[in-house]
Protein backbone atom coordinates (compact mmCIF):
# COMPACT_ATOMS: atom_id res chain seq x y z
CA UNK A 1 107.01 107.96 101.90
CA UNK A 2 110.52 106.93 100.86
CA UNK A 3 113.63 108.78 99.89
CA UNK A 4 113.89 110.34 96.43
CA UNK A 5 116.27 108.69 94.00
CA UNK A 6 119.80 110.04 93.49
CA UNK A 7 119.94 111.97 96.76
CA UNK A 8 122.80 111.71 99.23
CA UNK A 9 122.46 113.15 102.72
CA UNK A 10 125.40 115.17 103.97
CA UNK A 11 127.72 113.52 106.45
CA UNK A 12 127.94 116.38 108.88
CA UNK A 13 125.47 118.73 110.42
CA UNK A 14 121.75 118.20 110.51
CA UNK A 15 121.67 115.56 107.76
CA UNK A 16 123.78 112.96 109.53
CA UNK A 17 122.43 110.74 112.27
CA UNK A 18 123.90 108.82 115.17
CA UNK A 19 124.20 105.16 114.32
CA UNK A 20 124.90 102.48 116.89
CA UNK A 21 126.72 99.36 115.73
CA UNK A 22 126.98 96.28 117.95
CA UNK A 23 130.31 94.62 117.10
CA UNK A 24 131.08 90.95 116.70
CA UNK A 25 133.47 88.51 118.29
CA UNK A 26 134.83 85.15 117.20
CA UNK A 27 132.94 82.33 118.92
CA UNK A 28 134.27 78.78 119.06
CA UNK A 29 131.54 76.15 119.47
CA UNK A 30 131.72 72.87 121.37
CA UNK A 31 132.92 71.05 118.24
CA UNK A 32 135.58 73.61 117.48
CA UNK A 33 133.66 75.42 114.72
CA UNK A 34 134.38 79.15 114.49
CA UNK A 35 131.85 81.82 113.63
CA UNK A 36 131.25 85.49 114.26
CA UNK A 37 128.46 86.42 116.66
CA UNK A 38 127.25 89.72 118.10
CA UNK A 39 129.27 90.60 121.21
CA UNK A 40 126.57 91.66 123.70
CA UNK A 41 129.18 92.41 126.37
CA UNK A 42 131.19 94.84 124.23
CA UNK A 43 130.58 98.56 124.26
CA UNK A 44 128.38 99.58 121.28
CA UNK A 45 130.17 101.66 118.66
CA UNK A 46 128.72 105.09 117.98
CA UNK A 47 129.34 106.62 114.54
CA UNK A 48 127.73 109.30 112.38
CA UNK A 49 125.93 108.08 109.31
CA UNK A 50 123.98 109.17 106.28
CA UNK A 51 121.71 107.40 103.84
CA UNK A 52 122.97 106.93 100.30
CA UNK A 53 119.72 106.75 98.41
CA UNK A 54 119.90 105.97 94.73
CA UNK A 55 117.33 103.95 92.86
CA UNK A 56 119.80 101.03 92.92
CA UNK A 57 120.58 101.28 96.64
CA UNK A 58 117.17 101.81 98.29
CA UNK A 59 114.49 99.13 98.28
CA UNK A 60 111.11 99.08 99.95
CA UNK A 61 109.41 95.89 98.84
CA UNK A 62 105.80 95.09 99.73
CA UNK A 63 104.91 91.39 99.61
CA UNK A 64 101.61 89.61 100.08
CA UNK A 65 100.60 89.17 103.71
CA UNK A 66 101.80 92.64 104.74
CA UNK A 67 105.44 91.59 104.66
CA UNK A 68 107.83 94.44 103.97
CA UNK A 69 111.54 94.37 103.16
CA UNK A 70 113.40 97.65 103.58
CA UNK A 71 117.04 97.90 102.51
CA UNK A 72 119.41 100.86 102.49
CA UNK A 73 122.98 101.59 101.72
CA UNK A 74 124.38 103.92 104.35
CA UNK A 75 127.70 105.64 104.74
CA UNK A 76 129.31 105.78 108.17
CA UNK A 77 132.33 107.61 109.46
CA UNK A 78 135.60 105.72 109.73
CA UNK A 79 136.22 103.86 113.00
CA UNK A 80 139.06 101.54 114.16
CA UNK A 81 136.53 98.72 114.69
CA UNK A 82 136.23 98.35 110.91
CA UNK A 83 139.97 97.87 110.55
CA UNK A 84 140.31 95.24 113.29
CA UNK A 85 137.25 93.34 111.95
CA UNK A 86 134.94 93.90 114.92
CA UNK A 87 132.36 95.23 112.47
CA UNK A 88 131.51 92.55 109.92
CA UNK A 89 128.36 91.35 108.17
CA UNK A 90 127.44 89.56 111.42
CA UNK A 91 127.14 92.83 113.35
CA UNK A 92 123.78 94.52 113.92
CA UNK A 93 122.86 98.18 113.62
CA UNK A 94 120.44 100.41 115.53
CA UNK A 95 119.39 103.34 113.34
CA UNK A 96 116.29 105.44 112.81
CA UNK A 97 114.48 103.62 115.64
CA UNK A 98 114.85 100.18 114.04
CA UNK A 99 117.20 97.18 114.18
CA UNK A 100 119.09 96.39 110.98
CA UNK A 101 121.19 93.47 109.71
CA UNK A 102 124.32 94.15 107.69
CA UNK A 103 123.74 92.31 104.43
CA UNK A 104 127.22 92.42 102.85
CA UNK A 105 130.68 92.89 104.32
CA UNK A 106 131.42 96.60 104.90
CA UNK A 107 133.15 98.34 101.98
CA UNK A 108 135.71 101.07 102.51
CA UNK A 109 135.33 104.14 100.31
CA UNK A 110 137.74 107.00 99.84
CA UNK A 111 140.68 104.96 101.10
CA UNK A 112 143.17 106.77 98.86
CA UNK A 113 141.72 110.22 99.59
CA UNK A 114 142.19 112.45 102.61
CA UNK A 115 140.80 111.47 106.00
CA UNK A 116 137.84 113.85 105.72
CA UNK A 117 136.45 111.81 102.84
CA UNK A 118 137.21 108.29 104.09
CA UNK A 119 134.15 106.33 105.15
CA UNK A 120 132.55 102.88 105.07
CA UNK A 121 129.47 101.75 103.18
CA UNK A 122 127.06 99.32 104.77
CA UNK A 123 124.20 97.59 102.99
CA UNK A 124 121.56 97.07 105.66
CA UNK A 125 118.17 95.31 105.83
CA UNK A 126 115.58 96.22 108.45
CA UNK A 127 114.67 93.44 110.87
CA UNK A 128 110.97 92.72 111.39
CA UNK A 129 109.27 95.32 113.55
CA UNK A 130 109.02 94.18 117.16
CA UNK A 131 112.16 92.04 117.10
CA UNK A 132 114.92 92.76 119.62
CA UNK A 133 118.13 90.92 118.74
CA UNK A 134 119.74 91.78 122.10
CA UNK A 135 116.73 90.96 124.24
């Protein structure tokens, strides 16, 4: 199946979807090392999102042994959690019935434009089917 190249879904109305993002927190280990981990006790963040599907931004790779790698770039509505760094590349996403990892740090788009255009771009990679990162 797949999404045609050079098509962007609208951000509002029937072409945007609810996306759940599980934020991160700073965890200090027993040796004092700091790292970001998914905060399972925090309230999940609900945003509206849309797939940005260009040939360069959508990948569905089939490898030997029935291994599949699916990557998307999605746009999500602006949320304060992006600004206070609760959503980083360590966060996880629930979208389209699957779990997704954020591959790169979120990028803000439309920062210098009006608030109706401001959004964030997330590069996401689908986790293997059957995995439950919260379970």
